[in-house]
Amino acid sequence: MKTNEKITEKFKKIKIIKTKKLIIKIFVIVIAIIIFLTALIIIDKNTKIFGGNVSNFFKIETNNNQEEKIIKVAQKKFKELGEDIDSKDLEVLKIQRNGEVYYYISAKENTVEVREKDGKITRINSVPVE
């Protein structure tokens, strides 16, 4: 009887070990998939290898909030310049220069260029700001 009990205990231990290994394998696969998809999204977002389709597939929209903040910065500057204008009346052009993204925002009388990464105004009416 004691040998049968030892054998059943060994089988239970083996089952537990196999279950733990299976759980670890599943966990590793899930983490690998997450890392792969994250890398794919970042690469597509930065280099547009897939034309932005990966970001669109996952409905990732981070630029809208950034663009709204930049438009508010531009509106504030337009008010300082004496031009009170609604955001609907602004013309927004997104440009890339020297590896950085800028927003060129035009109102009726003035233009403002704002750097995307920090929201700083870099040009007013095409004159560099320092």
C-alpha atoms as a PDB file:
ATOM      1  CA  MET A   1       0.000   0.000   0.000  1.00  0.00           C
ATOM      2  CA  LYS A   2       2.781   2.405   0.808  1.00  0.00           C
ATOM      3  CA  THR A   3       4.304   2.050  -2.630  1.00  0.00           C
ATOM      4  CA  ASN A   4       0.937   2.787  -4.249  1.00  0.00           C
ATOM      5  CA  GLU A   5       0.606   5.919  -2.138  1.00  0.00           C
ATOM      6  CA  LYS A   6       4.127   7.015  -3.105  1.00  0.00           C
ATOM      7  CA  ILE A   7       3.345   6.456  -6.772  1.00  0.00           C
ATOM      8  CA  THR A   8       0.109   8.467  -6.576  1.00  0.00           C
ATOM      9  CA  GLU A   9       1.956  11.271  -4.775  1.00  0.00           C
ATOM     10  CA  LYS A  10       4.614  11.287  -7.482  1.00  0.00           C
ATOM     11  CA  PHE A  11       1.907  11.462 -10.167  1.00  0.00           C
ATOM     12  CA  LYS A  12       0.269  14.380  -8.347  1.00  0.00           C
ATOM     13  CA  LYS A  13       3.623  16.185  -8.130  1.00  0.00           C
ATOM     14  CA  ILE A  14       4.268  15.529 -11.823  1.00  0.00           C
ATOM     15  CA  LYS A  15       0.785  16.880 -12.683  1.00  0.00           C
ATOM     16  CA  ILE A  16       1.406  20.010 -10.619  1.00  0.00           C
ATOM     17  CA  ILE A  17       4.782  20.566 -12.289  1.00  0.00           C
ATOM     18  CA  LYS A  18       3.273  20.095 -15.768  1.00  0.00           C
ATOM     19  CA  THR A  19       0.460  22.512 -14.928  1.00  0.00           C
ATOM     20  CA  LYS A  20       2.945  25.125 -13.693  1.00  0.00           C
ATOM     21  CA  LYS A  21       5.034  24.724 -16.858  1.00  0.00           C
ATOM     22  CA  LEU A  22       1.936  25.117 -19.013  1.00  0.00           C
ATOM     23  CA  ILE A  23       0.913  28.281 -17.160  1.00  0.00           C
ATOM     24  CA  ILE A  24       4.432  29.708 -17.559  1.00  0.00           C
ATOM     25  CA  LYS A  25       4.418  28.903 -21.297  1.00  0.00           C
ATOM     26  CA  ILE A  26       1.052  30.587 -21.766  1.00  0.00           C
ATOM     27  CA  PHE A  27       2.234  33.621 -19.799  1.00  0.00           C
ATOM     28  CA  VAL A  28       5.411  33.896 -21.906  1.00  0.00           C
ATOM     29  CA  ILE A  29       3.406  33.620 -25.137  1.00  0.00           C
ATOM     30  CA  VAL A  30       0.968  36.340 -24.030  1.00  0.00           C
ATOM     31  CA  ILE A  31       3.829  38.656 -23.026  1.00  0.00           C
ATOM     32  CA  ALA A  32       5.594  37.977 -26.357  1.00  0.00           C
ATOM     33  CA  ILE A  33       2.405  38.843 -28.274  1.00  0.00           C
ATOM     34  CA  ILE A  34       1.972  42.069 -26.288  1.00  0.00           C
ATOM     35  CA  ILE A  35       5.595  43.076 -26.919  1.00  0.00           C
ATOM     36  CA  PHE A  36       5.278  42.249 -30.616  1.00  0.00           C
ATOM     37  CA  LEU A  37       2.085  44.277 -31.047  1.00  0.00           C
ATOM     38  CA  THR A  38       3.500  47.200 -29.085  1.00  0.00           C
ATOM     39  CA  ALA A  39       6.639  47.222 -31.239  1.00  0.00           C
ATOM     40  CA  LEU A  40       4.517  46.981 -34.381  1.00  0.00           C
ATOM     41  CA  ILE A  41       2.381  49.934 -33.302  1.00  0.00           C
ATOM     42  CA  ILE A  42       5.409  52.065 -32.389  1.00  0.00           C
ATOM     43  CA  ILE A  43       7.185  51.276 -35.648  1.00  0.00           C
ATOM     44  CA  ASP A  44       4.061  52.003 -37.680  1.00  0.00           C
ATOM     45  CA  LYS A  45       3.375  55.203 -35.779  1.00  0.00           C
ATOM     46  CA  ASN A  46       6.903  56.561 -36.201  1.00  0.00           C
ATOM     47  CA  THR A  47       7.885  55.327 -39.665  1.00  0.00           C
ATOM     48  CA  LYS A  48       4.475  54.687 -41.274  1.00  0.00           C
ATOM     49  CA  ILE A  49       5.759  51.402 -42.735  1.00  0.00           C
ATOM     50  CA  PHE A  50       2.211  50.111 -42.939  1.00  0.00           C
ATOM     51  CA  GLY A  51       0.735  53.506 -43.756  1.00  0.00           C
ATOM     52  CA  GLY A  52      -0.633  54.003 -40.242  1.00  0.00           C
ATOM     53  CA  ASN A  53      -3.014  51.067 -40.685  1.00  0.00           C
ATOM     54  CA  VAL A  54      -1.824  49.279 -37.540  1.00  0.00           C
ATOM     55  CA  SER A  55      -2.534  52.314 -35.356  1.00  0.00           C
ATOM     56  CA  ASN A  56      -5.901  52.745 -37.045  1.00  0.00           C
ATOM     57  CA  PHE A  57      -6.721  49.068 -36.497  1.00  0.00           C
ATOM     58  CA  PHE A  58      -6.175  49.420 -32.751  1.00  0.00           C
ATOM     59  CA  LYS A  59      -7.871  52.853 -32.687  1.00  0.00           C
ATOM     60  CA  ILE A  60      -4.902  54.587 -31.117  1.00  0.00           C
ATOM     61  CA  GLU A  61      -5.317  58.340 -31.263  1.00  0.00           C
ATOM     62  CA  THR A  62      -2.868  60.294 -29.168  1.00  0.00           C
ATOM     63  CA  ASN A  63      -2.288  63.201 -31.525  1.00  0.00           C
ATOM     64  CA  ASN A  64      -5.766  64.684 -31.075  1.00  0.00           C
ATOM     65  CA  ASN A  65      -5.157  65.680 -27.458  1.00  0.00           C
ATOM     66  CA  GLN A  66      -1.715  67.027 -28.340  1.00  0.00           C
ATOM     67  CA  GLU A  67      -3.142  68.953 -31.286  1.00  0.00           C
ATOM     68  CA  GLU A  68      -5.865  70.474 -29.085  1.00  0.00           C
ATOM     69  CA  LYS A  69      -3.249  71.629 -26.564  1.00  0.00           C
ATOM     70  CA  ILE A  70      -1.145  73.135 -29.339  1.00  0.00           C
ATOM     71  CA  ILE A  71      -4.165  74.966 -30.783  1.00  0.00           C
ATOM     72  CA  LYS A  72      -4.876  76.422 -27.326  1.00  0.00           C
ATOM     73  CA  VAL A  73      -1.263  77.650 -27.118  1.00  0.00           C
ATOM     74  CA  ALA A  74      -1.651  79.247 -30.551  1.00  0.00           C
ATOM     75  CA  GLN A  75      -4.993  80.851 -29.625  1.00  0.00           C
ATOM     76  CA  LYS A  76      -3.415  82.358 -26.531  1.00  0.00           C
ATOM     77  CA  LYS A  77      -0.606  83.832 -28.651  1.00  0.00           C
ATOM     78  CA  PHE A  78      -3.115  85.151 -31.194  1.00  0.00           C
ATOM     79  CA  LYS A  79      -4.970  86.929 -28.358  1.00  0.00           C
ATOM     80  CA  GLU A  80      -1.654  88.463 -27.229  1.00  0.00           C
ATOM     81  CA  LEU A  81      -1.164  89.674 -30.811  1.00  0.00           C
ATOM     82  CA  GLY A  82      -4.623  91.284 -30.733  1.00  0.00           C
ATOM     83  CA  GLU A  83      -6.445  88.717 -32.830  1.00  0.00           C
ATOM     84  CA  ASP A  84      -9.344  86.989 -31.074  1.00  0.00           C
ATOM     85  CA  ILE A  85     -10.247  83.996 -33.215  1.00  0.00           C
ATOM     86  CA  ASP A  86     -12.176  80.757 -32.760  1.00  0.00           C
ATOM     87  CA  SER A  87     -10.378  77.424 -33.199  1.00  0.00           C
ATOM     88  CA  LYS A  88     -12.746  76.555 -36.064  1.00  0.00           C
ATOM     89  CA  ASP A  89     -11.392  79.476 -38.076  1.00  0.00           C
ATOM     90  CA  LEU A  90      -7.764  78.346 -37.765  1.00  0.00           C
ATOM     91  CA  GLU A  91      -5.920  76.545 -40.505  1.00  0.00           C
ATOM     92  CA  VAL A  92      -3.644  73.847 -39.058  1.00  0.00           C
ATOM     93  CA  LEU A  93      -0.795  72.345 -41.046  1.00  0.00           C
ATOM     94  CA  LYS A  94       1.364  69.606 -39.589  1.00  0.00           C
ATOM     95  CA  ILE A  95       4.956  69.702 -40.866  1.00  0.00           C
ATOM     96  CA  GLN A  96       8.163  67.815 -40.168  1.00  0.00           C
ATOM     97  CA  ARG A  97      11.537  69.554 -40.137  1.00  0.00           C
ATOM     98  CA  ASN A  98      14.863  68.162 -38.942  1.00  0.00           C
ATOM     99  CA  GLY A  99      13.195  65.072 -37.495  1.00  0.00           C
ATOM    100  CA  GLU A 100      10.747  67.084 -35.365  1.00  0.00           C
ATOM    101  CA  VAL A 101       7.035  67.669 -35.885  1.00  0.00           C
ATOM    102  CA  TYR A 102       5.653  71.210 -35.895  1.00  0.00           C
ATOM    103  CA  TYR A 103       2.167  72.635 -36.246  1.00  0.00           C
ATOM    104  CA  TYR A 104       1.912  75.682 -38.482  1.00  0.00           C
ATOM    105  CA  ILE A 105      -1.293  77.436 -37.433  1.00  0.00           C
ATOM    106  CA  SER A 106      -2.697  80.291 -39.483  1.00  0.00           C
ATOM    107  CA  ALA A 107      -5.306  82.819 -38.478  1.00  0.00           C
ATOM    108  CA  LYS A 108      -6.591  85.723 -40.601  1.00  0.00           C
ATOM    109  CA  GLU A 109      -3.688  88.064 -39.810  1.00  0.00           C
ATOM    110  CA  ASN A 110      -1.012  86.011 -38.025  1.00  0.00           C
ATOM    111  CA  THR A 111       0.723  82.657 -38.120  1.00  0.00           C
ATOM    112  CA  VAL A 112       2.244  80.652 -35.289  1.00  0.00           C
ATOM    113  CA  GLU A 113       4.479  77.612 -35.456  1.00  0.00           C
ATOM    114  CA  VAL A 114       4.419  75.308 -32.411  1.00  0.00           C
ATOM    115  CA  ARG A 115       6.756  72.369 -31.747  1.00  0.00           C
ATOM    116  CA  GLU A 116       4.814  69.170 -31.007  1.00  0.00           C
ATOM    117  CA  LYS A 117       7.098  67.566 -28.428  1.00  0.00           C
ATOM    118  CA  ASP A 118       7.033  70.417 -25.902  1.00  0.00           C
ATOM    119  CA  GLY A 119       4.317  72.785 -27.129  1.00  0.00           C
ATOM    120  CA  LYS A 120       6.723  75.732 -27.450  1.00  0.00           C
ATOM    121  CA  ILE A 121       6.152  78.466 -30.004  1.00  0.00           C
ATOM    122  CA  THR A 122       9.096  78.469 -32.424  1.00  0.00           C
ATOM    123  CA  ARG A 123       7.951  81.056 -34.988  1.00  0.00           C
ATOM    124  CA  ILE A 124       5.504  83.928 -35.095  1.00  0.00           C
ATOM    125  CA  ASN A 125       4.613  85.278 -38.530  1.00  0.00           C
ATOM    126  CA  SER A 126       7.506  83.223 -39.987  1.00  0.00           C
ATOM    127  CA  VAL A 127      10.050  84.917 -37.701  1.00  0.00           C
ATOM    128  CA  PRO A 128      12.007  82.541 -35.416  1.00  0.00           C
ATOM    129  CA  VAL A 129      11.379  82.992 -31.691  1.00  0.00           C
ATOM    130  CA  GLU A 130      14.252  82.587 -29.273  1.00  0.00           C
END
